[in-house]
Amino acid sequence: QEQLVESGGGLVQPGGSLRLSCVASGNSFSVSGMGWYRQVPGKERERVAVITAGPTTNYADSVKGRFAISRDNAKKTVYLQMNNLKPEDTGVYYCHREYPNPFIWGQGTPVTVSS
């Protein structure tokens, strides 16, 4: 069964940076579209960034200019570089395979931005 495993979350001060990683198993990573989502208690999970197999990228307005999604097909890994972090970036960050089916979620990695 294919899986996604995230890492890299933690506690960081406002203005700081973190890089999240998501390692995929299986053999379809290079043709997969991948996304990063985040969720806070009481709110719906929101998509933060997506990268296609092309690759092309797209970002939520709230993170444009601060976050960067990238991929390394040889390592079957997708990254989320987060700079100039703000308290409102706090949440659990999930990696997601957008396509092909079946859709797959990682277990999540928590990010807390606080002084």
Protein backbone atom coordinates (compact mmCIF):
# COMPACT_ATOMS: atom_id res chain seq x y z
CA GLN A 1 0.00 0.00 0.00
CA GLU A 2 1.39 3.37 -0.99
CA GLN A 3 2.05 5.80 1.84
CA LEU A 4 3.15 9.38 2.46
CA VAL A 5 5.28 10.27 5.48
CA GLU A 6 5.78 13.90 6.49
CA SER A 7 8.50 15.37 8.67
CA GLY A 8 10.01 18.72 9.54
CA GLY A 9 7.34 20.36 11.65
CA GLY A 10 8.04 22.03 14.96
CA LEU A 11 7.97 25.21 16.99
CA VAL A 12 9.35 28.36 15.37
CA GLN A 13 9.24 32.05 16.20
CA PRO A 14 7.40 34.51 13.98
CA GLY A 15 9.60 35.44 11.03
CA GLY A 16 11.38 32.11 11.15
CA SER A 17 11.58 29.31 8.59
CA LEU A 18 10.86 25.60 8.38
CA ARG A 19 11.13 23.05 5.61
CA LEU A 20 8.65 20.22 5.52
CA SER A 21 9.35 16.97 3.69
CA CYS A 22 7.02 14.27 2.44
CA VAL A 23 8.42 10.95 1.29
CA ALA A 24 6.28 8.71 -0.89
CA SER A 25 6.41 4.97 -1.31
CA GLY A 26 5.42 3.17 -4.47
CA ASN A 27 6.38 3.76 -8.07
CA SER A 28 4.04 6.50 -9.27
CA PHE A 29 5.59 9.55 -7.60
CA SER A 30 7.07 11.04 -10.77
CA VAL A 31 3.64 11.16 -12.45
CA SER A 32 1.78 12.30 -9.34
CA GLY A 33 0.49 15.73 -8.52
CA MET A 34 1.26 16.54 -4.89
CA GLY A 35 -0.16 19.05 -2.47
CA TRP A 36 0.39 20.46 1.00
CA TYR A 37 -2.62 21.25 3.16
CA ARG A 38 -3.00 22.58 6.66
CA GLN A 39 -5.69 22.33 9.28
CA VAL A 40 -6.41 24.04 12.56
CA PRO A 41 -8.99 22.85 15.09
CA GLY A 42 -12.50 23.91 14.17
CA LYS A 43 -11.63 24.78 10.59
CA GLU A 44 -11.67 22.90 7.32
CA ARG A 45 -8.45 21.62 5.86
CA GLU A 46 -7.16 24.14 3.33
CA ARG A 47 -4.80 23.64 0.43
CA VAL A 48 -1.61 25.63 0.83
CA ALA A 49 0.39 24.66 -2.25
CA VAL A 50 0.31 22.18 -5.10
CA ILE A 51 2.87 20.95 -7.60
CA THR A 52 2.03 19.02 -10.74
CA ALA A 53 4.11 16.34 -12.40
CA GLY A 54 5.12 19.01 -14.98
CA PRO A 55 6.09 20.59 -12.64
CA THR A 56 4.03 23.69 -12.23
CA THR A 57 3.08 25.19 -8.90
CA ASN A 58 0.18 27.03 -7.34
CA TYR A 59 -0.24 28.65 -3.94
CA ALA A 60 -2.93 29.91 -1.64
CA ASP A 61 -3.00 33.71 -1.57
CA SER A 62 -2.13 33.68 2.13
CA VAL A 63 1.28 32.07 1.52
CA LYS A 64 2.33 33.49 -1.87
CA GLY A 65 5.82 34.93 -1.72
CA ARG A 66 6.59 33.15 1.55
CA PHE A 67 6.19 29.43 0.83
CA ALA A 68 7.74 27.36 -1.95
CA ILE A 69 6.80 23.83 -2.96
CA SER A 70 9.30 21.67 -4.82
CA ARG A 71 9.89 18.03 -5.64
CA ASP A 72 12.74 15.57 -6.11
CA ASN A 73 11.51 12.63 -8.13
CA ALA A 74 14.69 10.62 -7.55
CA LYS A 75 14.03 10.80 -3.80
CA LYS A 76 10.24 10.51 -4.16
CA THR A 77 10.01 13.58 -1.97
CA VAL A 78 8.00 16.79 -2.04
CA TYR A 79 9.10 19.76 0.05
CA LEU A 80 7.45 22.84 1.46
CA GLN A 81 9.87 25.64 2.29
CA MET A 82 8.14 28.07 4.63
CA ASN A 83 9.72 31.47 5.23
CA ASN A 84 8.65 34.53 7.19
CA LEU A 85 6.27 32.39 9.20
CA LYS A 86 3.34 34.02 10.95
CA PRO A 87 1.24 32.86 13.92
CA GLU A 88 -1.65 32.24 11.54
CA ASP A 89 0.46 29.61 9.76
CA THR A 90 0.10 27.41 12.83
CA GLY A 91 -1.59 24.10 12.16
CA VAL A 92 -1.08 20.49 11.21
CA TYR A 93 0.38 20.20 7.72
CA TYR A 94 -0.58 17.26 5.56
CA CYS A 95 0.89 15.94 2.36
CA HIS A 96 -1.60 14.72 -0.24
CA ARG A 97 -1.41 12.94 -3.54
CA GLU A 98 -3.73 14.91 -5.80
CA TYR A 99 -3.57 12.42 -8.67
CA PRO A 100 -3.58 9.71 -9.84
CA ASN A 101 -6.18 7.78 -7.88
CA PRO A 102 -6.32 6.66 -5.18
CA PHE A 103 -5.90 9.88 -3.24
CA ILE A 104 -3.50 9.45 -0.34
CA TRP A 105 -2.97 11.52 2.82
CA GLY A 106 0.02 11.54 5.11
CA GLN A 107 -0.31 11.47 8.87
CA GLY A 108 0.47 15.17 9.27
CA THR A 109 3.23 17.14 10.93
CA PRO A 110 2.44 19.96 13.38
CA VAL A 111 3.75 23.49 12.93
CA THR A 112 3.50 26.06 15.70
CA VAL A 113 4.50 29.66 15.12
CA SER A 114 4.77 31.45 18.43
CA SER A 115 7.08 33.66 20.41
